[in-house]
C-alpha atoms as a PDB file:
ATOM      1  CA  MET A   1      29.095   5.306 -44.264  1.00  0.00           C
ATOM      2  CA  LYS A   2      29.872   3.843 -40.564  1.00  0.00           C
ATOM      3  CA  THR A   3      30.263   7.016 -38.953  1.00  0.00           C
ATOM      4  CA  LEU A   4      27.019   8.400 -40.794  1.00  0.00           C
ATOM      5  CA  ALA A   5      25.207   5.185 -39.576  1.00  0.00           C
ATOM      6  CA  ARG A   6      26.501   6.272 -36.074  1.00  0.00           C
ATOM      7  CA  LEU A   7      25.175   9.487 -36.523  1.00  0.00           C
ATOM      8  CA  TYR A   8      22.268   8.363 -37.581  1.00  0.00           C
ATOM      9  CA  SER A   9      21.596   5.757 -34.443  1.00  0.00           C
ATOM     10  CA  ALA A  10      22.250   8.833 -31.978  1.00  0.00           C
ATOM     11  CA  LEU A  11      19.873  11.314 -33.400  1.00  0.00           C
ATOM     12  CA  LEU A  12      17.029   8.150 -33.726  1.00  0.00           C
ATOM     13  CA  LEU A  13      17.684   7.576 -29.735  1.00  0.00           C
ATOM     14  CA  LEU A  14      17.930  11.394 -29.295  1.00  0.00           C
ATOM     15  CA  THR A  15      14.410  11.859 -30.614  1.00  0.00           C
ATOM     16  CA  ALA A  16      12.896   8.882 -28.822  1.00  0.00           C
ATOM     17  CA  LEU A  17      14.321  10.261 -25.394  1.00  0.00           C
ATOM     18  CA  ILE A  18      12.750  13.729 -26.349  1.00  0.00           C
ATOM     19  CA  SER A  19       9.225  12.368 -27.306  1.00  0.00           C
ATOM     20  CA  ALA A  20       9.060   9.793 -24.569  1.00  0.00           C
ATOM     21  CA  PRO A  21       6.840  10.919 -22.034  1.00  0.00           C
ATOM     22  CA  ALA A  22       8.813  12.081 -19.014  1.00  0.00           C
ATOM     23  CA  LEU A  23       8.046  10.001 -15.907  1.00  0.00           C
ATOM     24  CA  ALA A  24       7.301  11.925 -12.411  1.00  0.00           C
ATOM     25  CA  ALA A  25       9.555  11.317  -9.631  1.00  0.00           C
ATOM     26  CA  PRO A  26       8.254   8.438  -7.538  1.00  0.00           C
ATOM     27  CA  ILE A  27       8.218  10.347  -4.185  1.00  0.00           C
ATOM     28  CA  VAL A  28       7.860  13.982  -3.401  1.00  0.00           C
ATOM     29  CA  ASP A  29       7.835  16.479  -0.859  1.00  0.00           C
ATOM     30  CA  ALA A  30       5.527  19.028   0.077  1.00  0.00           C
ATOM     31  CA  ALA A  31       6.877  21.926  -1.656  1.00  0.00           C
ATOM     32  CA  ALA A  32       6.766  19.908  -5.086  1.00  0.00           C
ATOM     33  CA  VAL A  33       2.939  18.790  -4.327  1.00  0.00           C
ATOM     34  CA  LYS A  34       2.411  22.555  -3.911  1.00  0.00           C
ATOM     35  CA  ALA A  35       3.995  23.470  -7.157  1.00  0.00           C
ATOM     36  CA  ALA A  36       2.303  20.458  -9.326  1.00  0.00           C
ATOM     37  CA  GLN A  37      -0.974  21.632  -8.041  1.00  0.00           C
ATOM     38  CA  ALA A  38      -0.106  25.023  -9.510  1.00  0.00           C
ATOM     39  CA  ARG A  39       0.310  23.534 -12.768  1.00  0.00           C
ATOM     40  CA  GLY A  40      -2.776  21.735 -12.423  1.00  0.00           C
ATOM     41  CA  ALA A  41      -2.407  18.129 -11.236  1.00  0.00           C
ATOM     42  CA  ILE A  42      -4.498  15.732  -9.345  1.00  0.00           C
ATOM     43  CA  VAL A  43      -4.160  15.409  -5.720  1.00  0.00           C
ATOM     44  CA  TRP A  44      -5.734  12.151  -4.355  1.00  0.00           C
ATOM     45  CA  ASP A  45      -6.744  11.472  -0.844  1.00  0.00           C
ATOM     46  CA  VAL A  46      -6.861   7.989  -0.480  1.00  0.00           C
ATOM     47  CA  ARG A  47      -7.734   7.550   3.089  1.00  0.00           C
ATOM     48  CA  ALA A  48     -11.356   6.655   4.209  1.00  0.00           C
ATOM     49  CA  THR A  49     -13.734   9.357   4.045  1.00  0.00           C
ATOM     50  CA  PRO A  50     -14.028  10.641   7.742  1.00  0.00           C
ATOM     51  CA  LEU A  51     -10.604  10.781   7.873  1.00  0.00           C
ATOM     52  CA  TYR A  52     -10.398  13.074   4.571  1.00  0.00           C
ATOM     53  CA  ARG A  53     -13.504  15.105   5.845  1.00  0.00           C
ATOM     54  CA  LYS A  54     -11.255  15.619   9.476  1.00  0.00           C
ATOM     55  CA  GLY A  55      -8.693  17.117   7.149  1.00  0.00           C
ATOM     56  CA  HIS A  56      -7.184  17.351   3.894  1.00  0.00           C
ATOM     57  CA  ILE A  57      -4.854  19.090   1.253  1.00  0.00           C
ATOM     58  CA  PRO A  58      -6.947  21.947  -0.309  1.00  0.00           C
ATOM     59  CA  GLY A  59      -8.451  20.266  -3.598  1.00  0.00           C
ATOM     60  CA  ALA A  60      -7.429  16.827  -3.108  1.00  0.00           C
ATOM     61  CA  VAL A  61     -10.431  14.465  -4.417  1.00  0.00           C
ATOM     62  CA  SER A  62     -11.367  11.282  -2.561  1.00  0.00           C
ATOM     63  CA  ILE A  63     -13.252   7.750  -3.483  1.00  0.00           C
ATOM     64  CA  GLY A  64     -13.036   6.596   0.312  1.00  0.00           C
ATOM     65  CA  ASP A  65     -10.656   4.314   1.287  1.00  0.00           C
ATOM     66  CA  ALA A  66      -8.997   3.106  -2.016  1.00  0.00           C
ATOM     67  CA  GLY A  67      -7.924   0.025  -0.729  1.00  0.00           C
ATOM     68  CA  ASN A  68     -11.280  -1.602   0.124  1.00  0.00           C
ATOM     69  CA  VAL A  69     -12.979   0.339  -3.011  1.00  0.00           C
ATOM     70  CA  LEU A  70     -10.977  -0.635  -5.763  1.00  0.00           C
ATOM     71  CA  ARG A  71     -10.000  -4.620  -4.066  1.00  0.00           C
ATOM     72  CA  ASN A  72     -12.473  -7.551  -3.858  1.00  0.00           C
ATOM     73  CA  ALA A  73     -12.248  -7.950  -0.106  1.00  0.00           C
ATOM     74  CA  VAL A  74     -12.117 -11.665  -0.208  1.00  0.00           C
ATOM     75  CA  THR A  75      -9.164 -11.924  -2.764  1.00  0.00           C
ATOM     76  CA  GLU A  76      -7.626  -8.343  -2.475  1.00  0.00           C
ATOM     77  CA  ASP A  77      -7.479  -8.278  -6.133  1.00  0.00           C
ATOM     78  CA  PHE A  78      -8.512  -5.275  -8.076  1.00  0.00           C
ATOM     79  CA  ILE A  79     -12.373  -5.296  -8.746  1.00  0.00           C
ATOM     80  CA  GLU A  80     -13.430  -5.413 -12.209  1.00  0.00           C
ATOM     81  CA  THR A  81     -12.086  -2.903 -14.647  1.00  0.00           C
ATOM     82  CA  ALA A  82     -15.555  -0.970 -15.906  1.00  0.00           C
ATOM     83  CA  GLN A  83     -16.378  -0.544 -11.922  1.00  0.00           C
ATOM     84  CA  ILE A  84     -12.435   1.272 -11.425  1.00  0.00           C
ATOM     85  CA  GLU A  85     -13.225   3.210 -14.362  1.00  0.00           C
ATOM     86  CA  LYS A  86     -16.486   4.633 -13.262  1.00  0.00           C
ATOM     87  CA  ILE A  87     -15.186   4.948  -9.370  1.00  0.00           C
ATOM     88  CA  LEU A  88     -11.980   6.889 -10.677  1.00  0.00           C
ATOM     89  CA  GLY A  89     -14.150   8.954 -13.983  1.00  0.00           C
ATOM     90  CA  ASN A  90     -16.741  10.113 -11.209  1.00  0.00           C
ATOM     91  CA  ALA A  91     -13.760  11.507  -9.046  1.00  0.00           C
ATOM     92  CA  GLY A  92     -12.401  13.015 -12.113  1.00  0.00           C
ATOM     93  CA  ILE A  93      -9.089  11.271 -11.568  1.00  0.00           C
ATOM     94  CA  ASP A  94      -7.764  10.813 -14.786  1.00  0.00           C
ATOM     95  CA  PRO A  95      -4.493   8.466 -15.469  1.00  0.00           C
ATOM     96  CA  ALA A  96      -3.519  10.594 -18.153  1.00  0.00           C
ATOM     97  CA  GLN A  97      -2.807  13.770 -15.885  1.00  0.00           C
ATOM     98  CA  LYS A  98      -0.323  14.372 -13.555  1.00  0.00           C
ATOM     99  CA  ILE A  99      -1.195  12.932 -10.174  1.00  0.00           C
ATOM    100  CA  ILE A 100       0.205  12.976  -6.629  1.00  0.00           C
ATOM    101  CA  VAL A 101      -1.325  10.425  -3.959  1.00  0.00           C
ATOM    102  CA  TYR A 102      -1.012  10.842  -0.576  1.00  0.00           C
ATOM    103  CA  ALA A 103      -2.439   9.291   3.225  1.00  0.00           C
ATOM    104  CA  GLU A 104      -0.991   9.654   6.316  1.00  0.00           C
ATOM    105  CA  ARG A 105       3.202   9.873   6.622  1.00  0.00           C
ATOM    106  CA  GLY A 106       4.518   6.656   5.693  1.00  0.00           C
ATOM    107  CA  ASN A 107       1.038   4.954   5.145  1.00  0.00           C
ATOM    108  CA  PRO A 108       1.768   2.392   2.229  1.00  0.00           C
ATOM    109  CA  TYR A 109      -2.225   2.541   0.772  1.00  0.00           C
ATOM    110  CA  ALA A 110      -0.620   5.945  -0.875  1.00  0.00           C
ATOM    111  CA  TYR A 111       2.081   3.711  -2.896  1.00  0.00           C
ATOM    112  CA  PHE A 112      -0.838   1.161  -3.645  1.00  0.00           C
ATOM    113  CA  GLY A 113      -2.767   4.002  -5.250  1.00  0.00           C
ATOM    114  CA  ARG A 114       0.312   4.951  -7.334  1.00  0.00           C
ATOM    115  CA  LEU A 115       0.414   1.439  -8.164  1.00  0.00           C
ATOM    116  CA  ALA A 116      -3.239   0.693  -9.209  1.00  0.00           C
ATOM    117  CA  LEU A 117      -2.910   4.151 -11.172  1.00  0.00           C
ATOM    118  CA  GLN A 118       0.087   2.917 -13.094  1.00  0.00           C
ATOM    119  CA  TYR A 119      -1.676  -0.385 -13.478  1.00  0.00           C
ATOM    120  CA  PHE A 120      -4.311   1.639 -15.475  1.00  0.00           C
ATOM    121  CA  GLY A 121      -1.758   2.993 -17.815  1.00  0.00           C
ATOM    122  CA  ALA A 122      -0.628   6.834 -15.696  1.00  0.00           C
ATOM    123  CA  GLN A 123       2.848   7.059 -16.174  1.00  0.00           C
ATOM    124  CA  LYS A 124       3.178  10.550 -14.496  1.00  0.00           C
ATOM    125  CA  VAL A 125       2.467   9.665 -10.603  1.00  0.00           C
ATOM    126  CA  SER A 126       3.820  10.243  -7.548  1.00  0.00           C
ATOM    127  CA  VAL A 127       3.609   9.969  -3.768  1.00  0.00           C
ATOM    128  CA  PHE A 128       3.753  12.215  -1.183  1.00  0.00           C
ATOM    129  CA  HIS A 129       5.025  10.270   1.363  1.00  0.00           C
ATOM    130  CA  ASP A 130       4.815  12.527   4.809  1.00  0.00           C
ATOM    131  CA  GLY A 131       1.447  12.807   3.520  1.00  0.00           C
ATOM    132  CA  VAL A 132      -1.354  14.771   5.871  1.00  0.00           C
ATOM    133  CA  GLU A 133       1.113  15.658   8.228  1.00  0.00           C
ATOM    134  CA  GLY A 134       3.903  17.036   6.274  1.00  0.00           C
ATOM    135  CA  TRP A 135       1.845  18.849   4.725  1.00  0.00           C
ATOM    136  CA  GLN A 136       1.101  20.638   8.097  1.00  0.00           C
ATOM    137  CA  ASP A 137       4.499  20.348   9.081  1.00  0.00           C
ATOM    138  CA  ALA A 138       5.283  22.670   5.925  1.00  0.00           C
ATOM    139  CA  GLY A 139       2.882  25.306   6.989  1.00  0.00           C
ATOM    140  CA  PHE A 140       0.397  24.752   4.700  1.00  0.00           C
ATOM    141  CA  ALA A 141      -3.571  24.284   5.866  1.00  0.00           C
ATOM    142  CA  LEU A 142      -5.809  22.032   5.323  1.00  0.00           C
ATOM    143  CA  GLU A 143      -9.405  21.879   4.251  1.00  0.00           C
ATOM    144  CA  THR A 144     -12.789  19.347   5.294  1.00  0.00           C
ATOM    145  CA  ALA A 145     -15.369  20.523   2.600  1.00  0.00           C
ATOM    146  CA  ASP A 146     -15.107  17.943   0.217  1.00  0.00           C
ATOM    147  CA  ALA A 147     -13.482  18.806  -3.522  1.00  0.00           C
ATOM    148  CA  GLN A 148     -14.580  18.327  -6.710  1.00  0.00           C
ATOM    149  CA  ARG A 149     -13.191  17.972  -9.941  1.00  0.00           C
ATOM    150  CA  PRO A 150     -15.466  17.383 -13.365  1.00  0.00           C
ATOM    151  CA  ALA A 151     -16.556  13.921 -13.633  1.00  0.00           C
ATOM    152  CA  ARG A 152     -14.813  12.006 -16.356  1.00  0.00           C
ATOM    153  CA  THR A 153     -15.264   9.564 -19.007  1.00  0.00           C
ATOM    154  CA  LEU A 154     -12.324   7.177 -18.532  1.00  0.00           C
ATOM    155  CA  LYS A 155     -11.769   3.955 -20.609  1.00  0.00           C
ATOM    156  CA  PRO A 156      -7.864   2.958 -18.795  1.00  0.00           C
ATOM    157  CA  SER A 157      -6.479  -0.502 -20.253  1.00  0.00           C
ATOM    158  CA  PRO A 158      -4.885  -2.628 -17.956  1.00  0.00           C
ATOM    159  CA  HIS A 159      -1.492  -3.341 -18.106  1.00  0.00           C
ATOM    160  CA  PRO A 160      -0.399  -6.666 -16.170  1.00  0.00           C
ATOM    161  CA  GLU A 161       2.889  -6.390 -17.846  1.00  0.00           C
ATOM    162  CA  LEU A 162       3.608  -4.019 -15.153  1.00  0.00           C
ATOM    163  CA  ILE A 163       3.700  -6.035 -12.276  1.00  0.00           C
ATOM    164  CA  ALA A 164       4.588  -9.958 -11.533  1.00  0.00           C
ATOM    165  CA  SER A 165       2.343 -12.599 -11.465  1.00  0.00           C
ATOM    166  CA  THR A 166       2.117 -15.766  -9.756  1.00  0.00           C
ATOM    167  CA  GLU A 167       2.814 -17.735 -12.402  1.00  0.00           C
ATOM    168  CA  ASP A 168       6.038 -15.705 -13.313  1.00  0.00           C
ATOM    169  CA  VAL A 169       7.264 -15.600  -9.496  1.00  0.00           C
ATOM    170  CA  VAL A 170       6.784 -19.424  -9.221  1.00  0.00           C
ATOM    171  CA  SER A 171       9.020 -19.563 -12.344  1.00  0.00           C
ATOM    172  CA  ARG A 172      11.513 -17.153 -10.772  1.00  0.00           C
ATOM    173  CA  ALA A 173      11.473 -19.002  -7.490  1.00  0.00           C
ATOM    174  CA  LYS A 174      12.264 -22.202  -8.856  1.00  0.00           C
ATOM    175  CA  THR A 175      14.841 -21.196 -11.010  1.00  0.00           C
ATOM    176  CA  GLY A 176      16.624 -18.055  -9.218  1.00  0.00           C
ATOM    177  CA  ALA A 177      16.121 -15.335 -12.080  1.00  0.00           C
ATOM    178  CA  ALA A 178      14.792 -12.878 -10.119  1.00  0.00           C
ATOM    179  CA  GLN A 179      15.914 -11.304  -6.675  1.00  0.00           C
ATOM    180  CA  ILE A 180      13.365 -10.950  -4.381  1.00  0.00           C
ATOM    181  CA  ILE A 181      12.317  -8.492  -1.260  1.00  0.00           C
ATOM    182  CA  ASP A 182       9.937  -9.671   0.969  1.00  0.00           C
ATOM    183  CA  ALA A 183       8.493  -6.748   2.793  1.00  0.00           C
ATOM    184  CA  ARG A 184       6.899  -8.257   5.314  1.00  0.00           C
ATOM    185  CA  CYS A 185       7.585  -8.723   9.195  1.00  0.00           C
ATOM    186  CA  ALA A 186      10.065 -10.935  10.155  1.00  0.00           C
ATOM    187  CA  GLY A 187       7.026 -13.276  11.879  1.00  0.00           C
ATOM    188  CA  GLU A 188       5.018 -13.581   8.433  1.00  0.00           C
ATOM    189  CA  TYR A 189       8.959 -14.274   6.650  1.00  0.00           C
ATOM    190  CA  LEU A 190       9.784 -17.249   9.684  1.00  0.00           C
ATOM    191  CA  GLY A 191       6.093 -18.338   9.293  1.00  0.00           C
ATOM    192  CA  ASN A 192       5.301 -17.922  12.642  1.00  0.00           C
ATOM    193  CA  ASP A 193       2.415 -15.084  11.675  1.00  0.00           C
ATOM    194  CA  VAL A 194       0.297 -17.092   9.344  1.00  0.00           C
ATOM    195  CA  ARG A 195      -2.504 -15.242   7.236  1.00  0.00           C
ATOM    196  CA  ALA A 196      -2.444 -17.435   4.188  1.00  0.00           C
ATOM    197  CA  ILE A 197      -3.432 -20.953   3.920  1.00  0.00           C
ATOM    198  CA  ARG A 198       0.196 -21.495   4.420  1.00  0.00           C
ATOM    199  CA  GLY A 199       3.281 -19.303   6.185  1.00  0.00           C
ATOM    200  CA  GLY A 200       6.931 -19.127   5.345  1.00  0.00           C
ATOM    201  CA  HIS A 201       8.196 -17.086   2.579  1.00  0.00           C
ATOM    202  CA  ILE A 202       9.210 -17.043  -1.324  1.00  0.00           C
ATOM    203  CA  PRO A 203      12.847 -19.235  -1.504  1.00  0.00           C
ATOM    204  CA  GLY A 204      15.816 -16.639  -1.531  1.00  0.00           C
ATOM    205  CA  ALA A 205      13.486 -14.266  -0.679  1.00  0.00           C
ATOM    206  CA  LEU A 206      15.259 -11.099   0.976  1.00  0.00           C
ATOM    207  CA  ASN A 207      13.210 -10.284   4.159  1.00  0.00           C
ATOM    208  CA  ILE A 208      13.431  -6.216   4.355  1.00  0.00           C
ATOM    209  CA  PRO A 209      10.122  -5.332   6.101  1.00  0.00           C
ATOM    210  CA  TYR A 210       8.600  -2.160   4.339  1.00  0.00           C
ATOM    211  CA  GLU A 211       9.002   0.018   7.675  1.00  0.00           C
ATOM    212  CA  ARG A 212      12.892  -0.241   7.565  1.00  0.00           C
ATOM    213  CA  ASN A 213      12.820   2.393   4.817  1.00  0.00           C
ATOM    214  CA  TRP A 214      11.466   4.554   7.734  1.00  0.00           C
ATOM    215  CA  LYS A 215      13.991   6.840   9.900  1.00  0.00           C
ATOM    216  CA  ASP A 216      12.485   4.907  12.807  1.00  0.00           C
ATOM    217  CA  PRO A 217      10.924   1.279  11.706  1.00  0.00           C
ATOM    218  CA  GLU A 218       9.353   1.154  15.240  1.00  0.00           C
ATOM    219  CA  THR A 219       7.460   4.398  14.494  1.00  0.00           C
ATOM    220  CA  ASN A 220       3.692   2.348  14.448  1.00  0.00           C
ATOM    221  CA  ALA A 221       4.652  -0.010  17.464  1.00  0.00           C
ATOM    222  CA  LYS A 222       5.644   3.327  19.714  1.00  0.00           C
ATOM    223  CA  MET A 223       3.027   5.427  19.076  1.00  0.00           C
ATOM    224  CA  SER A 224       0.321   2.414  19.825  1.00  0.00           C
ATOM    225  CA  ARG A 225       2.534   2.186  23.284  1.00  0.00           C
ATOM    226  CA  ARG A 226       1.937   6.209  23.228  1.00  0.00           C
ATOM    227  CA  GLN A 227       6.222   6.453  23.286  1.00  0.00           C
ATOM    228  CA  VAL A 228       6.096   8.825  20.961  1.00  0.00           C
ATOM    229  CA  ALA A 229       3.480  11.931  20.112  1.00  0.00           C
ATOM    230  CA  ASP A 230       3.513  11.554  16.464  1.00  0.00           C
ATOM    231  CA  ASN A 231       4.537   9.650  13.266  1.00  0.00           C
ATOM    232  CA  LYS A 232       7.813  11.686  12.433  1.00  0.00           C
ATOM    233  CA  GLY A 233       9.701   8.481  12.669  1.00  0.00           C
ATOM    234  CA  ALA A 234       7.765   7.540   9.689  1.00  0.00           C
ATOM    235  CA  GLY A 235       9.439  10.075   7.459  1.00  0.00           C
ATOM    236  CA  LEU A 236      11.820   8.179   4.582  1.00  0.00           C
ATOM    237  CA  ALA A 237      15.706   7.359   5.726  1.00  0.00           C
ATOM    238  CA  PRO A 238      18.086   9.842   4.089  1.00  0.00           C
ATOM    239  CA  THR A 239      19.339   8.148   0.975  1.00  0.00           C
ATOM    240  CA  ASP A 240      22.379   6.863   2.038  1.00  0.00           C
ATOM    241  CA  ALA A 241      20.996   4.749   4.632  1.00  0.00           C
ATOM    242  CA  LEU A 242      18.275   3.452   2.080  1.00  0.00           C
ATOM    243  CA  ARG A 243      21.299   2.600  -0.370  1.00  0.00           C
ATOM    244  CA  SER A 244      23.078   0.936   2.545  1.00  0.00           C
ATOM    245  CA  LEU A 245      19.907  -1.151   3.372  1.00  0.00           C
ATOM    246  CA  TYR A 246      19.522  -2.607  -0.379  1.00  0.00           C
ATOM    247  CA  ALA A 247      22.977  -2.960  -0.997  1.00  0.00           C
ATOM    248  CA  LYS A 248      23.446  -6.353  -1.536  1.00  0.00           C
ATOM    249  CA  LEU A 249      21.059  -6.231  -4.418  1.00  0.00           C
ATOM    250  CA  ASP A 250      21.865  -5.409  -7.901  1.00  0.00           C
ATOM    251  CA  PRO A 251      19.967  -1.999  -9.431  1.00  0.00           C
ATOM    252  CA  ASN A 252      20.405  -3.454 -12.520  1.00  0.00           C
ATOM    253  CA  LYS A 253      18.854  -7.185 -12.140  1.00  0.00           C
ATOM    254  CA  GLU A 254      15.061  -7.510 -11.663  1.00  0.00           C
ATOM    255  CA  THR A 255      13.524  -7.493  -8.696  1.00  0.00           C
ATOM    256  CA  VAL A 256      10.506  -8.579  -7.856  1.00  0.00           C
ATOM    257  CA  VAL A 257       8.916  -7.181  -4.124  1.00  0.00           C
ATOM    258  CA  TYR A 258       6.191  -9.171  -2.418  1.00  0.00           C
ATOM    259  CA  CYS A 259       4.178  -8.999   1.000  1.00  0.00           C
ATOM    260  CA  GLN A 260       0.368  -9.863   1.620  1.00  0.00           C
ATOM    261  CA  SER A 261      -1.136  -8.148  -0.749  1.00  0.00           C
ATOM    262  CA  GLY A 262       1.003  -5.866  -2.805  1.00  0.00           C
ATOM    263  CA  VAL A 263       0.270  -2.585  -0.424  1.00  0.00           C
ATOM    264  CA  ARG A 264       3.658  -2.728   1.628  1.00  0.00           C
ATOM    265  CA  ALA A 265       5.883  -3.838  -1.339  1.00  0.00           C
ATOM    266  CA  ALA A 266       4.094  -1.311  -3.411  1.00  0.00           C
ATOM    267  CA  GLU A 267       5.914   1.433  -0.858  1.00  0.00           C
ATOM    268  CA  THR A 268       9.254  -0.138  -1.109  1.00  0.00           C
ATOM    269  CA  ALA A 269       9.071  -0.650  -4.641  1.00  0.00           C
ATOM    270  CA  ALA A 270       8.864   3.042  -5.019  1.00  0.00           C
ATOM    271  CA  VAL A 271      11.685   3.379  -2.855  1.00  0.00           C
ATOM    272  CA  LEU A 272      14.175   1.258  -4.769  1.00  0.00           C
ATOM    273  CA  GLU A 273      12.722   3.318  -8.222  1.00  0.00           C
ATOM    274  CA  THR A 274      14.496   6.140  -6.332  1.00  0.00           C
ATOM    275  CA  LEU A 275      17.394   4.607  -5.755  1.00  0.00           C
ATOM    276  CA  GLY A 276      17.623   3.773  -9.440  1.00  0.00           C
ATOM    277  CA  PHE A 277      16.469   0.172  -9.264  1.00  0.00           C
ATOM    278  CA  ASN A 278      15.050   0.155 -13.267  1.00  0.00           C
ATOM    279  CA  LYS A 279      13.655  -3.165 -13.453  1.00  0.00           C
ATOM    280  CA  VAL A 280      11.320  -3.103 -10.511  1.00  0.00           C
ATOM    281  CA  LYS A 281       7.665  -5.094  -9.907  1.00  0.00           C
ATOM    282  CA  VAL A 282       5.500  -5.419  -7.364  1.00  0.00           C
ATOM    283  CA  TYR A 283       4.090  -8.776  -7.201  1.00  0.00           C
ATOM    284  CA  ASP A 284       0.717  -7.869  -6.655  1.00  0.00           C
ATOM    285  CA  SER A 285      -1.345 -11.039  -5.845  1.00  0.00           C
ATOM    286  CA  SER A 286       1.755 -11.416  -2.867  1.00  0.00           C
ATOM    287  CA  TRP A 287       1.689 -14.336  -0.632  1.00  0.00           C
ATOM    288  CA  LEU A 288      -2.039 -14.674  -0.611  1.00  0.00           C
ATOM    289  CA  GLY A 289      -1.489 -15.816  -4.177  1.00  0.00           C
ATOM    290  CA  TYR A 290       1.387 -17.315  -3.718  1.00  0.00           C
ATOM    291  CA  ALA A 291       0.645 -19.772  -0.591  1.00  0.00           C
ATOM    292  CA  ALA A 292      -2.519 -20.980  -2.410  1.00  0.00           C
ATOM    293  CA  ARG A 293      -0.608 -22.694  -4.822  1.00  0.00           C
ATOM    294  CA  LEU A 294       0.648 -25.386  -3.229  1.00  0.00           C
ATOM    295  CA  ASP A 295       3.056 -26.794  -5.599  1.00  0.00           C
ATOM    296  CA  ALA A 296       4.926 -23.163  -5.248  1.00  0.00           C
ATOM    297  CA  PRO A 297       7.919 -24.359  -2.905  1.00  0.00           C
ATOM    298  CA  ALA A 298       8.666 -22.288   0.046  1.00  0.00           C
ATOM    299  CA  GLU A 299      10.576 -21.722   2.499  1.00  0.00           C
ATOM    300  CA  ARG A 300       9.992 -22.145   6.858  1.00  0.00           C
ATOM    301  CA  GLU A 301       6.712 -23.626   5.191  1.00  0.00           C
ATOM    302  CA  THR A 302       3.570 -24.123   7.889  1.00  0.00           C
ATOM    303  CA  PHE A 303       0.010 -24.692   7.487  1.00  0.00           C
ATOM    304  CA  PHE A 304      -2.691 -22.415   8.840  1.00  0.00           C
ATOM    305  CA  ASN A 305      -4.501 -24.774  11.162  1.00  0.00           C
ATOM    306  CA  VAL A 306      -8.396 -24.608  10.802  1.00  0.00           C
ATOM    307  CA  GLY A 307      -9.334 -26.895  13.410  1.00  0.00           C
ATOM    308  CA  ALA A 308      -7.339 -24.974  16.301  1.00  0.00           C
ATOM    309  CA  MET A 309      -8.684 -21.868  14.972  1.00  0.00           C
ATOM    310  CA  ASN A 310     -12.161 -22.856  15.075  1.00  0.00           C
ATOM    311  CA  GLY A 311     -11.445 -24.383  19.015  1.00  0.00           C
ATOM    312  CA  ARG A 312      -9.983 -20.686  19.733  1.00  0.00           C
ATOM    313  CA  LEU A 313     -13.486 -19.199  18.757  1.00  0.00           C
ATOM    314  CA  ALA A 314     -15.401 -21.375  19.917  1.00  0.00           C
ATOM    315  CA  SER A 315     -14.067 -20.792  23.293  1.00  0.00           C
ATOM    316  CA  MET A 316     -14.141 -16.964  22.681  1.00  0.00           C
ATOM    317  CA  GLN A 317     -17.581 -17.631  21.719  1.00  0.00           C
ATOM    318  CA  ARG A 318     -18.404 -19.433  25.317  1.00  0.00           C
ATOM    319  CA  LYS A 319     -16.390 -16.406  26.854  1.00  0.00           C
ATOM    320  CA  ILE A 320     -18.728 -13.854  25.512  1.00  0.00           C
ATOM    321  CA  ASP A 321     -22.129 -15.852  25.732  1.00  0.00           C
ATOM    322  CA  GLU A 322     -21.067 -15.909  29.698  1.00  0.00           C
ATOM    323  CA  LEU A 323     -19.937 -12.439  29.683  1.00  0.00           C
ATOM    324  CA  GLU A 324     -23.367 -11.453  28.254  1.00  0.00           C
ATOM    325  CA  ARG A 325     -24.969 -13.736  31.119  1.00  0.00           C
ATOM    326  CA  MET A 326     -23.041 -12.026  33.806  1.00  0.00           C
ATOM    327  CA  ILE A 327     -24.088  -8.581  32.234  1.00  0.00           C
ATOM    328  CA  GLY A 328     -27.975  -9.240  32.016  1.00  0.00           C
ATOM    329  CA  GLU A 329     -27.771 -10.751  35.888  1.00  0.00           C
ATOM    330  CA  LEU A 330     -26.517  -7.724  36.920  1.00  0.00           C
ATOM    331  CA  HIS A 331     -28.592  -5.297  35.071  1.00  0.00           C
ATOM    332  CA  SER A 332     -31.510  -7.332  36.312  1.00  0.00           C
ATOM    333  CA  SER A 333     -30.138  -7.088  39.642  1.00  0.00           C
ATOM    334  CA  HIS A 334     -29.857  -2.732  39.297  1.00  0.00           C
ATOM    335  CA  VAL A 335     -33.138  -2.642  37.854  1.00  0.00           C
ATOM    336  CA  ALA A 336     -34.612  -4.604  41.403  1.00  0.00           C
ATOM    337  CA  LYS A 337     -32.633  -2.197  43.364  1.00  0.00           C
ATOM    338  CA  ALA A 338     -34.069   0.858  41.537  1.00  0.00           C
ATOM    339  CA  THR A 339     -37.360  -0.642  41.896  1.00  0.00           C
ATOM    340  CA  CYS A 340     -36.953  -0.867  45.779  1.00  0.00           C
ATOM    341  CA  ALA A 341     -35.382   2.772  45.786  1.00  0.00           C
ATOM    342  CA  ALA A 342     -37.931   4.392  44.702  1.00  0.00           C
ATOM    343  CA  GLY A 343     -40.660   2.421  47.147  1.00  0.00           C
ATOM    344  CA  LYS A 344     -42.103  -0.234  45.377  1.00  0.00           C
ATOM    345  CA  VAL A 345     -42.879  -3.708  46.938  1.00  0.00           C
ATOM    346  CA  CYS A 346     -39.392  -5.670  46.124  1.00  0.00           C
END
């Protein structure tokens, strides 16, 4: 009887595995994008419209800058679900279908797009990390004409259990019940770069800036200084290097990732999933939400000095006023000289 019971349990497990929807690989390459498109997958370009129209993967749809379109500009939380339903539906982006999201190489907003779709029920959504540059590097052409998909009437249900809430994270910070990764830069983590009401970090959080997932974490800085000609350094680091980067963490323990508003954290979360971490949650409200909870414990805590900021703004305004006055005087002088040169009475 025990043997039959074990066989029956094994059959139930096998049936569940067969019937369960296959989850998509979190991160894919250009060849996988091409193959998925051939099978009818949706490709979503999350960049701003001018960049999209400058050149995008053929057939890719756009709603504009997804980070701005889908979020409240002040709180950086999702806008009303009904609005998101309409925006995605009009673009033909159906979370029930296979979807690949991309932007520029390494751009974390592609991962934000994936997180947004997962929140609204998508189970087969991947990120093309190398983005538009990777598509071209693979020898594939871009197009500039807007792609259209048939509009869909969507009724996706939010799945808040897929992300960590502020209440969850405050509780975990007090009890140490989860391992926490801070994907922000070192300045933010140390409280020197304050971008919310408070600076600092969640107690016990391990600071691993999201750019460290790349071959060269300094790629953006080097490009701004024109030290490199392209963003190839923003490609994902080799798997062995990534395993070493997160070697201190337990893949079987719940892992919460946060940043300022959940965008950079979404990239790190996807990388962890590729490494076999099976209990990863993005803290969507991230430091903006955590810092606003003044009862939430913080290490390296600093407070935003509103008075000092107002003083700097006032000083800047005085400099702008003085510059405008000088420009006005130069303009008047130029007009007067031009009048004299034309032979008129000076």
